[in-house]
Amino acid sequence: MTDIKTVADNADMIVGGYAFTKSGEFIRVLNLNSKASAAVLSPLGDVIETSMNDIELDIVKDYFKRNKAFLED
């Protein structure tokens, strides 16, 4: 069971209710309002895996594209 508070506390960035967490070379994204909506992105923003619908995924990719500088070391 995913603990939303733990995910939020450990996130590298939270934008629009989505927690972005670097995990190795990938970025894990979780909708903090719906634990069933998650995605894994490549460092370039390509979708590796997802349970999000297309509209939500487009929103997440846009958030990532506009804010990825905050995820860089």
C-alpha atoms as a PDB file:
ATOM      1  CA  MET A   1       0.000   0.000   0.000  1.00  0.00           C
ATOM      2  CA  THR A   2       1.413   3.360  -1.050  1.00  0.00           C
ATOM      3  CA  ASP A   3       1.565   5.968   1.697  1.00  0.00           C
ATOM      4  CA  ILE A   4       0.821   9.326   0.047  1.00  0.00           C
ATOM      5  CA  LYS A   5       2.515  11.348   2.795  1.00  0.00           C
ATOM      6  CA  THR A   6       5.741   9.345   2.423  1.00  0.00           C
ATOM      7  CA  VAL A   7       5.694   9.737  -1.362  1.00  0.00           C
ATOM      8  CA  ALA A   8       5.110  13.483  -1.033  1.00  0.00           C
ATOM      9  CA  ASP A   9       7.831  13.868   1.612  1.00  0.00           C
ATOM     10  CA  ASN A  10      10.367  12.007  -0.549  1.00  0.00           C
ATOM     11  CA  ALA A  11       9.410  13.635  -3.859  1.00  0.00           C
ATOM     12  CA  ASP A  12      12.024  15.710  -5.634  1.00  0.00           C
ATOM     13  CA  MET A  13       9.308  17.980  -7.007  1.00  0.00           C
ATOM     14  CA  ILE A  14       5.528  18.358  -6.635  1.00  0.00           C
ATOM     15  CA  VAL A  15       3.616  20.189  -9.359  1.00  0.00           C
ATOM     16  CA  GLY A  16      -0.158  20.392  -9.696  1.00  0.00           C
ATOM     17  CA  GLY A  17      -0.766  17.502  -7.300  1.00  0.00           C
ATOM     18  CA  TYR A  18       1.759  15.188  -8.976  1.00  0.00           C
ATOM     19  CA  ALA A  19       4.833  13.946  -7.123  1.00  0.00           C
ATOM     20  CA  PHE A  20       7.938  13.555  -9.306  1.00  0.00           C
ATOM     21  CA  THR A  21      10.634  11.360  -7.766  1.00  0.00           C
ATOM     22  CA  LYS A  22      13.961  10.457  -9.336  1.00  0.00           C
ATOM     23  CA  SER A  23      14.540   6.707  -9.172  1.00  0.00           C
ATOM     24  CA  GLY A  24      17.816   5.686 -10.758  1.00  0.00           C
ATOM     25  CA  GLU A  25      17.744   6.971 -14.315  1.00  0.00           C
ATOM     26  CA  PHE A  26      13.940   7.238 -14.401  1.00  0.00           C
ATOM     27  CA  ILE A  27      11.370   9.635 -12.944  1.00  0.00           C
ATOM     28  CA  ARG A  28       8.400   8.162 -11.100  1.00  0.00           C
ATOM     29  CA  VAL A  29       5.219  10.241 -11.131  1.00  0.00           C
ATOM     30  CA  LEU A  30       2.263   9.704  -8.806  1.00  0.00           C
ATOM     31  CA  ASN A  31      -1.011  11.584  -8.737  1.00  0.00           C
ATOM     32  CA  LEU A  32      -1.304  12.457  -5.037  1.00  0.00           C
ATOM     33  CA  ASN A  33      -5.097  12.607  -5.351  1.00  0.00           C
ATOM     34  CA  SER A  34      -5.434   9.178  -6.971  1.00  0.00           C
ATOM     35  CA  LYS A  35      -2.914   6.485  -6.108  1.00  0.00           C
ATOM     36  CA  ALA A  36      -4.037   4.454  -9.127  1.00  0.00           C
ATOM     37  CA  SER A  37      -2.626   7.089 -11.505  1.00  0.00           C
ATOM     38  CA  ALA A  38       1.103   6.658 -11.903  1.00  0.00           C
ATOM     39  CA  ALA A  39       3.759   6.821 -14.592  1.00  0.00           C
ATOM     40  CA  VAL A  40       7.442   6.246 -15.159  1.00  0.00           C
ATOM     41  CA  LEU A  41       9.257   8.690 -17.452  1.00  0.00           C
ATOM     42  CA  SER A  42      12.691   8.618 -19.032  1.00  0.00           C
ATOM     43  CA  PRO A  43      15.026  11.571 -18.366  1.00  0.00           C
ATOM     44  CA  LEU A  44      13.839  13.010 -21.699  1.00  0.00           C
ATOM     45  CA  GLY A  45      10.151  12.724 -20.731  1.00  0.00           C
ATOM     46  CA  ASP A  46       9.335   9.617 -22.776  1.00  0.00           C
ATOM     47  CA  VAL A  47       6.737   7.348 -21.174  1.00  0.00           C
ATOM     48  CA  ILE A  48       8.163   4.020 -20.041  1.00  0.00           C
ATOM     49  CA  GLU A  49       5.112   2.764 -18.167  1.00  0.00           C
ATOM     50  CA  THR A  50       1.786   4.262 -17.078  1.00  0.00           C
ATOM     51  CA  SER A  51      -1.650   3.673 -15.637  1.00  0.00           C
ATOM     52  CA  MET A  52      -2.804   7.204 -16.544  1.00  0.00           C
ATOM     53  CA  ASN A  53      -5.240   8.054 -19.311  1.00  0.00           C
ATOM     54  CA  ASP A  54      -3.980  10.030 -22.308  1.00  0.00           C
ATOM     55  CA  ILE A  55      -5.232  13.411 -21.094  1.00  0.00           C
ATOM     56  CA  GLU A  56      -3.667  13.071 -17.651  1.00  0.00           C
ATOM     57  CA  LEU A  57      -0.439  11.803 -19.205  1.00  0.00           C
ATOM     58  CA  ASP A  58      -0.250  14.861 -21.486  1.00  0.00           C
ATOM     59  CA  ILE A  59      -0.673  17.098 -18.422  1.00  0.00           C
ATOM     60  CA  VAL A  60       2.113  15.269 -16.555  1.00  0.00           C
ATOM     61  CA  LYS A  61       4.466  15.397 -19.544  1.00  0.00           C
ATOM     62  CA  ASP A  62       3.830  19.143 -19.857  1.00  0.00           C
ATOM     63  CA  TYR A  63       4.538  19.671 -16.131  1.00  0.00           C
ATOM     64  CA  PHE A  64       7.729  17.645 -16.535  1.00  0.00           C
ATOM     65  CA  LYS A  65       8.860  19.543 -19.630  1.00  0.00           C
ATOM     66  CA  ARG A  66       8.322  22.936 -17.997  1.00  0.00           C
ATOM     67  CA  ASN A  67       9.912  22.017 -14.661  1.00  0.00           C
ATOM     68  CA  LYS A  68      12.569  19.390 -15.384  1.00  0.00           C
ATOM     69  CA  ALA A  69      15.365  21.835 -14.511  1.00  0.00           C
ATOM     70  CA  PHE A  70      14.282  21.451 -10.860  1.00  0.00           C
ATOM     71  CA  LEU A  71      14.971  17.693 -11.041  1.00  0.00           C
ATOM     72  CA  GLU A  72      18.543  18.084 -12.247  1.00  0.00           C
ATOM     73  CA  ASP A  73      21.412  17.589  -9.800  1.00  0.00           C
END
